[in-house]
Protein backbone atom coordinates (compact mmCIF):
# COMPACT_ATOMS: atom_id res chain seq x y z
CA MET A 1 97.28 -0.89 20.11
CA ASP A 2 94.12 -0.75 17.78
CA SER A 3 92.87 2.99 17.77
CA GLN A 4 89.14 2.77 19.56
CA PRO A 5 86.52 5.19 17.07
CA ASN A 6 85.58 8.41 19.45
CA GLN A 7 82.30 7.01 21.68
CA LYS A 8 79.84 9.30 22.96
CA PHE A 9 78.66 7.48 25.94
CA ILE A 10 74.65 8.87 27.36
CA ASP A 11 74.05 7.99 31.11
CA VAL A 12 70.79 6.75 31.67
CA ASP A 13 68.81 7.80 35.16
CA ASN A 14 66.22 4.33 34.54
CA SER A 15 65.27 6.24 37.99
CA LYS A 16 63.21 8.18 36.39
CA PRO A 17 59.87 7.05 34.33
CA ALA A 18 59.64 5.86 31.13
CA CYS A 19 58.22 8.06 28.49
CA PRO A 20 55.30 5.63 26.98
CA LYS A 21 55.61 6.97 23.41
CA CYS A 22 58.91 6.56 23.19
CA GLY A 23 60.84 5.21 25.99
CA SER A 24 63.05 7.58 26.53
CA HIS A 25 63.66 8.60 30.17
CA ASN A 26 64.72 11.75 29.71
CA ILE A 27 61.69 12.66 31.10
CA ARG A 28 60.97 16.12 33.73
CA LYS A 29 58.85 17.22 36.21
CA ASN A 30 55.78 18.77 34.65
CA GLY A 31 53.52 20.44 37.18
CA HIS A 32 50.52 18.48 37.99
CA ILE A 33 46.76 16.88 37.50
CA HIS A 34 43.51 17.68 38.21
CA ASN A 35 43.78 15.00 41.12
CA GLY A 36 46.96 16.37 42.29
CA LYS A 37 49.83 13.33 40.39
CA GLN A 38 52.05 14.67 39.37
CA ASN A 39 52.97 15.56 35.66
CA HIS A 40 55.33 14.56 33.64
CA GLN A 41 56.56 15.53 30.08
CA CYS A 42 58.91 14.10 27.98
CA LYS A 43 62.22 15.90 26.81
CA ASP A 44 62.54 13.73 23.53
CA CYS A 45 58.75 13.12 22.05
CA GLY A 46 57.31 15.90 24.43
CA ARG A 47 54.92 13.24 25.67
CA GLN A 48 53.29 14.55 28.16
CA PHE A 49 52.10 11.64 31.16
CA VAL A 50 51.25 10.47 34.52
CA GLU A 51 53.29 7.79 35.64
CA GLY A 52 50.86 4.27 35.98
CA ASN A 53 47.89 5.75 35.14
CA THR A 54 45.79 3.32 35.10
CA LYS A 55 42.93 4.94 32.57
CA LYS A 56 41.70 3.08 29.83
CA TYR A 57 41.99 4.79 26.35
CA ILE A 58 38.85 2.72 24.20
CA SER A 59 39.87 1.62 20.29
CA ASN A 60 37.82 2.22 17.46
CA PHE A 61 37.71 -1.71 17.99
CA LEU A 62 36.06 -1.68 20.66
CA GLN A 63 33.52 0.97 20.04
CA ASN A 64 32.79 -1.37 16.90
CA LEU A 65 31.73 -3.52 18.47
CA VAL A 66 30.26 -1.52 20.99
CA ASP A 67 27.41 -0.34 18.28
CA LYS A 68 26.37 -3.74 17.89
CA LEU A 69 26.14 -5.11 21.28
CA LEU A 70 23.85 -1.62 21.09
CA LEU A 71 21.42 -3.78 19.02
CA GLU A 72 21.31 -6.61 20.61
CA LYS A 73 19.12 -7.15 23.63
CA ILE A 74 22.44 -6.71 25.71
CA PRO A 75 21.59 -4.25 28.85
CA LEU A 76 24.38 -1.21 29.40
CA ALA A 77 25.63 -2.83 33.13
CA GLY A 78 26.46 -6.11 30.39
CA ILE A 79 28.22 -4.58 27.75
CA CYS A 80 30.48 -3.91 30.49
CA ARG A 81 31.02 -6.46 32.17
CA VAL A 82 31.26 -8.24 28.92
CA LEU A 83 33.85 -5.58 27.29
CA GLY A 84 35.64 -4.40 30.36
CA VAL A 85 34.93 -0.88 29.40
CA SER A 86 33.09 1.38 33.13
CA GLY A 87 30.22 2.45 33.07
CA THR A 88 30.63 6.54 33.47
CA TRP A 89 32.93 6.63 29.86
CA LEU A 90 29.89 3.76 27.94
CA GLN A 91 27.16 6.02 29.09
CA GLU A 92 28.80 8.94 28.14
CA TYR A 93 30.07 7.32 24.73
CA VAL A 94 26.05 6.25 23.82
CA ASN A 95 24.73 9.48 25.26
CA ALA A 96 26.57 11.19 22.32
CA LYS A 97 25.66 8.67 19.47
CA TYR A 98 21.65 8.94 20.65
CA VAL A 99 22.04 12.19 20.30
CA LYS A 100 23.45 12.36 16.43
CA VAL A 101 21.13 9.50 15.42
CA PRO A 102 18.73 10.97 12.65
CA ARG A 103 15.05 10.81 13.64
CA GLU A 104 13.76 11.27 9.56
CA LEU A 105 13.46 8.02 7.58
CA ASN A 106 15.50 7.50 4.36
CA VAL A 107 14.05 4.61 2.34
CA SER A 108 13.65 3.99 -1.00
CA ALA A 109 11.95 5.55 -3.37
CA LYS A 110 8.30 4.17 -4.66
CA ALA A 111 6.69 5.49 -7.38
CA PRO A 112 2.98 5.83 -7.08
CA GLY A 113 0.22 3.20 -7.44
CA LYS A 114 -0.30 0.81 -4.62
CA LEU A 115 1.86 1.78 -1.83
CA ILE A 116 -0.09 -0.93 1.53
CA ILE A 117 1.00 0.48 4.71
CA GLN A 118 0.24 -1.03 8.43
CA CYS A 119 0.06 0.27 11.47
CA ASP A 120 0.75 0.68 14.95
CA GLU A 121 0.72 0.87 18.68
CA LEU A 122 3.84 0.38 21.24
CA TRP A 123 3.58 0.92 24.78
CA SER A 124 6.72 1.44 25.99
CA TYR A 125 7.95 3.55 29.41
CA VAL A 126 11.14 6.51 30.71
CA GLN A 127 12.08 6.18 34.49
CA LYS A 128 8.87 4.45 35.94
CA LYS A 129 6.01 3.39 33.93
CA GLU A 130 2.97 6.17 34.68
CA ASN A 131 5.13 8.02 32.38
CA GLN A 132 3.93 6.28 29.17
CA GLN A 133 5.42 6.62 25.65
CA TRP A 134 3.85 5.74 22.35
CA VAL A 135 5.94 4.79 20.46
CA TRP A 136 3.54 5.01 17.13
CA LEU A 137 4.71 2.38 13.24
CA ALA A 138 3.52 1.59 9.44
CA LEU A 139 6.07 -0.40 7.34
CA ASP A 140 5.15 -1.20 3.89
CA LEU A 141 4.05 -3.89 3.45
CA ASN A 142 6.22 -4.64 -0.32
CA THR A 143 9.15 -3.92 1.32
CA ARG A 144 8.74 -4.85 5.04
CA GLU A 145 10.36 -1.17 5.17
CA ILE A 146 9.69 1.36 8.33
CA VAL A 147 8.49 3.96 6.68
CA GLY A 148 6.50 6.01 9.68
CA CYS A 149 7.55 6.86 13.92
CA TYR A 150 7.15 8.91 16.27
CA VAL A 151 7.30 8.25 20.44
CA GLY A 152 4.86 10.69 22.16
CA ASP A 153 1.49 9.52 23.76
CA ARG A 154 -1.80 8.06 22.06
CA SER A 155 -3.53 11.48 21.47
CA LYS A 156 -4.71 12.45 18.31
CA ASN A 157 -1.75 14.68 18.11
CA SER A 158 0.31 12.27 17.55
CA ALA A 159 -1.57 9.42 15.16
CA GLN A 160 -0.81 12.80 13.04
CA LYS A 161 2.58 13.41 14.02
CA LEU A 162 3.17 9.69 12.92
CA TRP A 163 1.08 10.90 9.28
CA ASP A 164 3.46 13.99 9.14
CA SER A 165 6.31 11.15 9.23
CA LEU A 166 5.49 9.76 6.29
CA PRO A 167 6.84 9.91 2.69
CA PRO A 168 4.63 11.83 0.74
CA VAL A 169 3.90 9.51 -1.71
CA TYR A 170 1.84 7.23 1.42
CA ARG A 171 0.48 10.23 2.09
CA GLN A 172 -0.47 10.70 -1.45
CA CYS A 173 -1.27 7.26 -2.21
CA ALA A 174 -1.28 4.44 -0.05
CA VAL A 175 -3.87 2.38 1.63
CA CYS A 176 -3.16 1.86 5.78
CA TYR A 177 -4.51 -0.47 7.73
CA THR A 178 -4.67 0.06 11.55
CA ASP A 179 -6.34 -1.56 14.81
CA PHE A 180 -9.51 0.57 15.89
CA TRP A 181 -7.40 2.95 17.98
CA GLN A 182 -10.31 6.24 16.88
CA ALA A 183 -7.20 7.99 16.92
CA ASP A 184 -6.22 6.67 13.69
CA GLU A 185 -9.63 6.96 12.39
CA CYS A 186 -9.38 10.84 13.39
CA VAL A 187 -6.04 11.69 10.61
CA LEU A 188 -6.03 8.91 8.36
CA PRO A 189 -7.63 9.43 5.19
CA LYS A 190 -11.10 7.96 5.28
CA LYS A 191 -10.60 6.81 1.13
CA ARG A 192 -7.44 5.07 2.84
CA HIS A 193 -7.89 3.73 5.67
CA LYS A 194 -9.17 0.39 6.28
CA SER A 195 -9.38 -0.39 9.73
CA VAL A 196 -9.24 -4.34 10.74
CA SER A 197 -8.98 -6.85 13.78
CA LYS A 198 -5.92 -9.38 14.34
CA SER A 199 -7.26 -12.12 13.42
CA SER A 200 -7.77 -10.63 10.00
CA GLY A 201 -3.90 -10.93 9.13
CA LYS A 202 -3.87 -7.69 7.88
CA THR A 203 -2.08 -6.13 10.55
CA SER A 204 0.75 -9.48 11.16
CA HIS A 205 3.86 -7.65 9.92
CA ILE A 206 4.04 -4.58 11.82
CA GLU A 207 2.75 -6.75 15.83
CA ARG A 208 5.92 -9.22 14.06
CA PHE A 209 7.90 -5.89 13.88
CA ASN A 210 7.17 -5.29 17.73
CA ASN A 211 7.58 -8.34 18.30
CA THR A 212 11.26 -7.63 17.49
CA LEU A 213 12.28 -4.58 19.31
CA ARG A 214 11.14 -5.70 22.77
CA GLN A 215 13.31 -9.05 21.37
CA ARG A 216 15.85 -6.65 20.51
CA ILE A 217 16.15 -3.23 21.91
CA SER A 218 16.18 -4.50 25.94
CA ARG A 219 14.49 -0.97 27.74
CA LEU A 220 11.21 -2.11 25.67
CA VAL A 221 11.11 -4.98 27.43
CA ARG A 222 7.51 -5.51 28.96
CA LYS A 223 9.50 -6.37 32.43
CA THR A 224 12.68 -5.45 32.43
CA LEU A 225 15.51 -3.80 34.30
CA SER A 226 17.38 -2.07 31.73
CA PHE A 227 14.46 1.12 31.66
CA SER A 228 15.47 4.14 29.95
CA LYS A 229 15.64 7.31 31.91
CA LYS A 230 16.14 9.94 29.98
CA LEU A 231 13.68 10.31 27.33
CA GLU A 232 16.43 11.76 24.68
CA ASN A 233 18.02 7.61 25.08
CA HIS A 234 15.12 6.21 24.31
CA ILE A 235 14.15 7.44 21.14
CA GLY A 236 17.50 7.62 20.03
CA ALA A 237 18.03 3.76 20.84
CA LEU A 238 14.36 3.46 18.47
CA TRP A 239 15.55 5.65 15.92
CA TYR A 240 19.19 3.53 15.83
CA PHE A 241 17.76 0.33 15.51
CA ILE A 242 15.70 0.97 12.59
CA HIS A 243 17.98 2.99 10.79
CA HIS A 244 19.45 -0.65 11.11
CA TYR A 245 16.59 -2.62 9.94
CA ASN A 246 15.88 -0.93 7.17
CA GLU A 247 19.72 -0.94 6.04
CA SER A 248 19.41 -4.30 6.26
CA LEU A 249 16.72 -5.10 4.71
CA HIS A 250 18.49 -3.82 1.96
CA ILE A 251 22.10 -5.69 1.90
């Protein structure tokens, strides 16, 4: 009779759940989680888990898709439907993302000289139309970069904030074309400020960019159900798109 090597048999209890990490059934109970469900721990790899857990982990690939969809005119509810993510997760993700968006523009270096900018204001609102939030923008005519931005009311103070947001070289040298809004006339240097009508074409590029914003950011559409409920997210979404727009000019 042939000799058989010593073999060690392990009794596997298949009635116990399998570890989602290593597949082992060598499991022990490890208390309960916040909602009362039984928590388990794998004795082999140490992984803790809940049997039948329905929590969905969002991959980096899916997060990158969300980042791209936030640059298109798609409401958050639409992103949830397309990607199958929960509204709670998406709202928390968007809140955290918009908080981190820089509120300063990174534009290409300009030498002092003949610089021309076009300035305009874009009407928007948060929560209700009575809570108006005007978007003040300045665009470099030559590079098409957005070089200044501020969100506030339509007062002289907001015009000053837009002027302060410009890089120093523009405040020193740039000729500024605007419409006939009186707040601009109070702030911009009189020798370099040109008030013009829309028919002149001298503000056509900034007006076209305003249309781009309304076409790409759903919360800026005039008649929309995707309006902002938080001012921080309203401003964050605007800055997020402007940074993307400026970067796309150099690709």
